[in-house]
Amino acid sequence: MTTTTPARYNPAPGREYSYPLSDYARATAAALGKGWDAESSYLGAWGLIFTTDGRVSLRLYVDTDGDLGDLVFEDRATGDVHLVPSEHIPDFSPSNPDEMAEWGGDLALFVLSLGL
């Protein structure tokens, strides 16, 4: 009987992409400030940002139907999907809280540009 050694991940799990997607939603809500909040999905696979008065509710997720897996916000009231253009996000994955805050700020600017 032949046994195989499992392939090693390089980089190790959690090193390259250390934050679940729901953390991006939380950073976005924090950057939007008072009147905004966020919730995490199961295992952080997507995140929900919303106004505390119920006017706006957006689900942040990766659209796997696209070629590259596009980052999108889906308006939960209308079903409209808003693709986040690459110029609205940093060129790197966040690896620390300061970088995550930068992502949140950039995504918050995009959300505000939607005029919801």
N, C-alpha and C. Protein backbone atom coordinates (compact mmCIF):
# COMPACT_ATOMS: atom_id res chain seq x y z
N MET A 1 0.85 -1.17 0.00
CA MET A 1 0.00 0.00 0.00
C MET A 1 0.90 1.24 0.00
N THR A 2 0.61 2.15 -0.90
CA THR A 2 1.38 3.37 -1.02
C THR A 2 0.64 4.50 -0.32
N THR A 3 1.36 5.23 0.49
CA THR A 3 0.75 6.41 1.12
C THR A 3 1.38 7.64 0.51
N THR A 4 0.58 8.68 0.44
CA THR A 4 1.10 9.93 -0.09
C THR A 4 1.07 10.99 0.98
N THR A 5 2.02 11.85 0.91
CA THR A 5 2.08 12.97 1.84
C THR A 5 1.25 14.10 1.25
N PRO A 6 0.37 14.68 2.06
CA PRO A 6 -0.43 15.79 1.53
C PRO A 6 0.46 16.93 1.05
N ALA A 7 0.03 17.56 -0.03
CA ALA A 7 0.79 18.70 -0.55
C ALA A 7 0.82 19.81 0.49
N ARG A 8 1.93 20.45 0.61
CA ARG A 8 2.06 21.58 1.53
C ARG A 8 1.61 22.84 0.82
N TYR A 9 0.92 23.64 1.55
CA TYR A 9 0.49 24.92 1.00
C TYR A 9 1.64 25.91 1.08
N ASN A 10 1.81 26.66 0.04
CA ASN A 10 2.83 27.70 0.05
C ASN A 10 2.23 28.95 -0.57
N PRO A 11 2.02 30.00 0.15
CA PRO A 11 2.33 30.15 1.57
C PRO A 11 1.36 29.37 2.45
N ALA A 12 1.70 29.24 3.70
CA ALA A 12 0.88 28.50 4.65
C ALA A 12 -0.51 29.12 4.75
N PRO A 13 -1.54 28.32 5.05
CA PRO A 13 -2.89 28.87 5.19
C PRO A 13 -2.91 30.06 6.14
N GLY A 14 -3.61 31.11 5.73
CA GLY A 14 -3.72 32.30 6.56
C GLY A 14 -2.60 33.30 6.35
N ARG A 15 -1.59 32.95 5.61
CA ARG A 15 -0.46 33.87 5.39
C ARG A 15 -0.70 34.78 4.19
N GLU A 16 -1.25 34.23 3.11
CA GLU A 16 -1.45 35.04 1.92
C GLU A 16 -2.75 35.85 2.01
N TYR A 17 -3.82 35.21 2.41
CA TYR A 17 -5.11 35.86 2.56
C TYR A 17 -5.56 35.63 3.99
N SER A 18 -5.22 36.56 4.85
CA SER A 18 -5.42 36.31 6.28
C SER A 18 -6.77 36.77 6.81
N TYR A 19 -7.58 37.41 5.98
CA TYR A 19 -8.87 37.91 6.45
C TYR A 19 -10.01 37.30 5.65
N PRO A 20 -11.08 36.87 6.33
CA PRO A 20 -12.26 36.41 5.59
C PRO A 20 -12.98 37.63 5.00
N LEU A 21 -13.80 37.39 4.02
CA LEU A 21 -14.49 38.47 3.32
C LEU A 21 -15.37 39.30 4.24
N SER A 22 -15.92 38.68 5.26
CA SER A 22 -16.76 39.45 6.18
C SER A 22 -15.97 40.53 6.92
N ASP A 23 -14.67 40.34 7.09
CA ASP A 23 -13.84 41.39 7.71
C ASP A 23 -13.75 42.62 6.81
N TYR A 24 -13.78 42.41 5.50
CA TYR A 24 -13.79 43.54 4.57
C TYR A 24 -15.08 44.34 4.75
N ALA A 25 -16.19 43.64 4.94
CA ALA A 25 -17.47 44.32 5.16
C ALA A 25 -17.42 45.09 6.48
N ARG A 26 -16.88 44.50 7.51
CA ARG A 26 -16.79 45.20 8.80
C ARG A 26 -15.90 46.44 8.70
N ALA A 27 -14.79 46.33 7.97
CA ALA A 27 -13.90 47.48 7.79
C ALA A 27 -14.60 48.58 6.98
N THR A 28 -15.41 48.17 6.02
CA THR A 28 -16.17 49.14 5.22
C THR A 28 -17.18 49.87 6.08
N ALA A 29 -17.93 49.14 6.90
CA ALA A 29 -18.91 49.78 7.78
C ALA A 29 -18.22 50.71 8.77
N ALA A 30 -17.08 50.30 9.29
CA ALA A 30 -16.34 51.16 10.23
C ALA A 30 -15.91 52.45 9.54
N ALA A 31 -15.45 52.35 8.29
CA ALA A 31 -15.02 53.53 7.55
C ALA A 31 -16.20 54.43 7.20
N LEU A 32 -17.37 53.84 6.97
CA LEU A 32 -18.55 54.64 6.68
C LEU A 32 -19.01 55.43 7.90
N GLY A 33 -18.72 54.88 9.08
CA GLY A 33 -18.96 55.62 10.32
C GLY A 33 -20.33 55.41 10.95
N LYS A 34 -20.71 56.38 11.75
CA LYS A 34 -21.96 56.31 12.52
C LYS A 34 -23.14 56.09 11.58
N GLY A 35 -24.00 55.21 12.00
CA GLY A 35 -25.18 54.89 11.21
C GLY A 35 -25.01 53.68 10.31
N TRP A 36 -23.81 53.08 10.32
CA TRP A 36 -23.53 51.88 9.53
C TRP A 36 -23.09 50.76 10.44
N ASP A 37 -23.40 49.53 10.06
CA ASP A 37 -22.98 48.36 10.83
C ASP A 37 -22.75 47.21 9.85
N ALA A 38 -22.28 46.09 10.37
CA ALA A 38 -21.99 44.93 9.53
C ALA A 38 -22.28 43.65 10.28
N GLU A 39 -22.55 42.60 9.52
CA GLU A 39 -22.72 41.26 10.06
C GLU A 39 -21.89 40.29 9.22
N SER A 40 -21.45 39.24 9.85
CA SER A 40 -20.66 38.22 9.16
C SER A 40 -21.54 37.03 8.80
N SER A 41 -21.25 36.45 7.66
CA SER A 41 -21.92 35.22 7.27
C SER A 41 -21.20 34.04 7.91
N TYR A 42 -21.76 32.87 7.70
CA TYR A 42 -21.15 31.64 8.19
C TYR A 42 -19.75 31.51 7.60
N LEU A 43 -18.77 31.33 8.41
CA LEU A 43 -17.35 31.21 8.04
C LEU A 43 -16.79 32.45 7.37
N GLY A 44 -17.53 33.55 7.41
CA GLY A 44 -17.03 34.80 6.84
C GLY A 44 -16.97 34.83 5.33
N ALA A 45 -17.71 33.95 4.67
CA ALA A 45 -17.66 33.84 3.21
C ALA A 45 -18.21 35.07 2.50
N TRP A 46 -19.07 35.82 3.16
CA TRP A 46 -19.54 37.11 2.67
C TRP A 46 -19.88 37.97 3.87
N GLY A 47 -20.08 39.22 3.63
CA GLY A 47 -20.40 40.13 4.72
C GLY A 47 -21.56 41.03 4.32
N LEU A 48 -22.28 41.49 5.30
CA LEU A 48 -23.42 42.37 5.08
C LEU A 48 -23.12 43.71 5.72
N ILE A 49 -23.26 44.78 4.96
CA ILE A 49 -23.17 46.12 5.54
C ILE A 49 -24.54 46.77 5.39
N PHE A 50 -24.92 47.55 6.37
CA PHE A 50 -26.26 48.12 6.35
C PHE A 50 -26.30 49.38 7.19
N THR A 51 -27.28 50.22 6.86
CA THR A 51 -27.52 51.40 7.68
C THR A 51 -28.38 50.95 8.85
N THR A 52 -28.14 51.54 10.00
CA THR A 52 -28.88 51.13 11.20
C THR A 52 -30.34 51.54 11.15
N ASP A 53 -30.70 52.45 10.21
CA ASP A 53 -32.12 52.82 10.06
C ASP A 53 -32.82 51.95 9.02
N GLY A 54 -32.11 50.99 8.43
CA GLY A 54 -32.71 50.04 7.50
C GLY A 54 -32.85 50.53 6.07
N ARG A 55 -32.35 51.71 5.74
CA ARG A 55 -32.46 52.23 4.37
C ARG A 55 -31.66 51.42 3.37
N VAL A 56 -30.45 51.01 3.75
CA VAL A 56 -29.53 50.35 2.83
C VAL A 56 -29.04 49.04 3.44
N SER A 57 -29.00 48.01 2.62
CA SER A 57 -28.46 46.72 3.02
C SER A 57 -27.72 46.14 1.82
N LEU A 58 -26.42 45.97 1.96
CA LEU A 58 -25.57 45.50 0.86
C LEU A 58 -24.79 44.26 1.28
N ARG A 59 -24.83 43.26 0.44
CA ARG A 59 -24.05 42.05 0.69
C ARG A 59 -22.77 42.13 -0.14
N LEU A 60 -21.63 42.01 0.52
CA LEU A 60 -20.32 42.01 -0.14
C LEU A 60 -19.89 40.56 -0.33
N TYR A 61 -19.61 40.20 -1.58
CA TYR A 61 -19.18 38.84 -1.86
C TYR A 61 -18.33 38.82 -3.13
N VAL A 62 -17.77 37.68 -3.42
CA VAL A 62 -17.01 37.49 -4.65
C VAL A 62 -17.89 36.75 -5.63
N ASP A 63 -18.13 37.37 -6.79
CA ASP A 63 -18.94 36.77 -7.84
C ASP A 63 -18.09 35.75 -8.58
N THR A 64 -18.37 34.51 -8.38
CA THR A 64 -17.57 33.45 -8.99
C THR A 64 -17.98 33.16 -10.43
N ASP A 65 -19.02 33.85 -10.93
CA ASP A 65 -19.41 33.67 -12.32
C ASP A 65 -18.44 34.37 -13.27
N GLY A 66 -17.76 35.39 -12.78
CA GLY A 66 -16.81 36.13 -13.62
C GLY A 66 -15.52 35.34 -13.80
N ASP A 67 -14.71 35.80 -14.74
CA ASP A 67 -13.45 35.11 -15.03
C ASP A 67 -12.48 35.16 -13.86
N LEU A 68 -12.45 36.28 -13.15
CA LEU A 68 -11.45 36.45 -12.11
C LEU A 68 -12.01 36.39 -10.70
N GLY A 69 -13.32 36.26 -10.56
CA GLY A 69 -13.91 36.33 -9.24
C GLY A 69 -13.98 37.77 -8.79
N ASP A 70 -14.97 38.49 -9.29
CA ASP A 70 -15.08 39.92 -9.04
C ASP A 70 -15.70 40.22 -7.68
N LEU A 71 -15.21 41.27 -7.05
CA LEU A 71 -15.75 41.75 -5.79
C LEU A 71 -16.98 42.60 -6.10
N VAL A 72 -18.11 42.27 -5.47
CA VAL A 72 -19.35 42.98 -5.76
C VAL A 72 -20.12 43.28 -4.47
N PHE A 73 -20.95 44.31 -4.56
CA PHE A 73 -21.95 44.61 -3.55
C PHE A 73 -23.31 44.35 -4.18
N GLU A 74 -24.15 43.58 -3.52
CA GLU A 74 -25.51 43.34 -3.99
C GLU A 74 -26.48 44.09 -3.09
N ASP A 75 -27.30 44.93 -3.69
CA ASP A 75 -28.34 45.65 -2.94
C ASP A 75 -29.43 44.65 -2.60
N ARG A 76 -29.63 44.41 -1.33
CA ARG A 76 -30.58 43.37 -0.91
C ARG A 76 -32.02 43.76 -1.17
N ALA A 77 -32.32 45.05 -1.30
CA ALA A 77 -33.69 45.49 -1.56
C ALA A 77 -34.05 45.35 -3.04
N THR A 78 -33.12 45.69 -3.92
CA THR A 78 -33.42 45.72 -5.35
C THR A 78 -32.84 44.55 -6.12
N GLY A 79 -31.83 43.90 -5.56
CA GLY A 79 -31.13 42.83 -6.27
C GLY A 79 -30.07 43.34 -7.22
N ASP A 80 -29.90 44.67 -7.31
CA ASP A 80 -28.87 45.24 -8.17
C ASP A 80 -27.50 44.82 -7.68
N VAL A 81 -26.64 44.46 -8.64
CA VAL A 81 -25.28 44.05 -8.33
C VAL A 81 -24.33 45.12 -8.83
N HIS A 82 -23.46 45.60 -7.93
CA HIS A 82 -22.51 46.66 -8.24
C HIS A 82 -21.09 46.10 -8.19
N LEU A 83 -20.50 45.94 -9.36
CA LEU A 83 -19.12 45.46 -9.46
C LEU A 83 -18.18 46.53 -8.93
N VAL A 84 -17.28 46.15 -8.03
CA VAL A 84 -16.30 47.09 -7.51
C VAL A 84 -15.15 47.17 -8.51
N PRO A 85 -14.99 48.32 -9.20
CA PRO A 85 -13.90 48.44 -10.17
C PRO A 85 -12.54 48.34 -9.49
N SER A 86 -11.58 47.80 -10.21
CA SER A 86 -10.25 47.59 -9.63
C SER A 86 -9.61 48.88 -9.14
N GLU A 87 -9.95 50.02 -9.74
CA GLU A 87 -9.35 51.29 -9.28
C GLU A 87 -9.89 51.71 -7.91
N HIS A 88 -10.92 51.02 -7.41
CA HIS A 88 -11.47 51.34 -6.10
C HIS A 88 -10.94 50.43 -4.99
N ILE A 89 -9.99 49.57 -5.32
CA ILE A 89 -9.43 48.69 -4.29
C ILE A 89 -7.90 48.71 -4.38
N PRO A 90 -7.23 48.51 -3.25
CA PRO A 90 -5.77 48.46 -3.26
C PRO A 90 -5.24 47.30 -4.10
N ASP A 91 -3.98 47.37 -4.45
CA ASP A 91 -3.34 46.34 -5.28
C ASP A 91 -2.77 45.19 -4.45
N PHE A 92 -3.20 45.03 -3.23
CA PHE A 92 -2.62 44.02 -2.36
C PHE A 92 -3.70 43.47 -1.43
N SER A 93 -3.46 42.30 -0.90
CA SER A 93 -4.34 41.73 0.12
C SER A 93 -3.89 42.26 1.47
N PRO A 94 -4.84 42.63 2.33
CA PRO A 94 -4.42 43.14 3.63
C PRO A 94 -3.80 42.05 4.49
N SER A 95 -2.71 42.41 5.15
CA SER A 95 -2.04 41.44 6.02
C SER A 95 -1.94 41.94 7.46
N ASN A 96 -2.54 43.11 7.73
CA ASN A 96 -2.54 43.64 9.10
C ASN A 96 -3.73 44.59 9.24
N PRO A 97 -4.06 44.98 10.46
CA PRO A 97 -5.23 45.84 10.67
C PRO A 97 -5.18 47.18 9.95
N ASP A 98 -4.01 47.78 9.82
CA ASP A 98 -3.91 49.05 9.11
C ASP A 98 -4.24 48.89 7.62
N GLU A 99 -3.75 47.83 7.02
CA GLU A 99 -4.06 47.58 5.62
C GLU A 99 -5.53 47.25 5.44
N MET A 100 -6.13 46.53 6.40
CA MET A 100 -7.56 46.24 6.32
C MET A 100 -8.36 47.54 6.42
N ALA A 101 -7.93 48.45 7.26
CA ALA A 101 -8.62 49.75 7.38
C ALA A 101 -8.52 50.52 6.05
N GLU A 102 -7.39 50.40 5.36
CA GLU A 102 -7.24 51.05 4.06
C GLU A 102 -8.24 50.47 3.05
N TRP A 103 -8.37 49.16 3.05
CA TRP A 103 -9.37 48.51 2.19
C TRP A 103 -10.76 49.01 2.54
N GLY A 104 -11.06 49.06 3.84
CA GLY A 104 -12.38 49.52 4.27
C GLY A 104 -12.67 50.93 3.80
N GLY A 105 -11.67 51.80 3.88
CA GLY A 105 -11.85 53.17 3.42
C GLY A 105 -12.11 53.25 1.93
N ASP A 106 -11.37 52.47 1.15
CA ASP A 106 -11.56 52.46 -0.30
C ASP A 106 -12.93 51.90 -0.68
N LEU A 107 -13.34 50.82 0.00
CA LEU A 107 -14.66 50.25 -0.29
C LEU A 107 -15.77 51.18 0.17
N ALA A 108 -15.56 51.90 1.26
CA ALA A 108 -16.56 52.87 1.73
C ALA A 108 -16.76 53.98 0.70
N LEU A 109 -15.67 54.45 0.11
CA LEU A 109 -15.80 55.47 -0.94
C LEU A 109 -16.60 54.95 -2.12
N PHE A 110 -16.40 53.70 -2.46
CA PHE A 110 -17.19 53.09 -3.55
C PHE A 110 -18.66 53.04 -3.17
N VAL A 111 -18.96 52.59 -1.96
CA VAL A 111 -20.36 52.50 -1.51
C VAL A 111 -21.01 53.88 -1.58
N LEU A 112 -20.32 54.90 -1.12
CA LEU A 112 -20.86 56.25 -1.16
C LEU A 112 -21.09 56.72 -2.60
N SER A 113 -20.24 56.28 -3.52
CA SER A 113 -20.38 56.67 -4.92
C SER A 113 -21.65 56.08 -5.55
N LEU A 114 -22.22 55.05 -4.94
CA LEU A 114 -23.44 54.45 -5.46
C LEU A 114 -24.66 55.34 -5.26
N GLY A 115 -24.57 56.28 -4.31
CA GLY A 115 -25.66 57.21 -4.06
C GLY A 115 -26.93 56.56 -3.54
N LEU A 116 -26.78 55.54 -2.76
CA LEU A 116 -27.95 54.83 -2.23
C LEU A 116 -28.63 55.57 -1.12
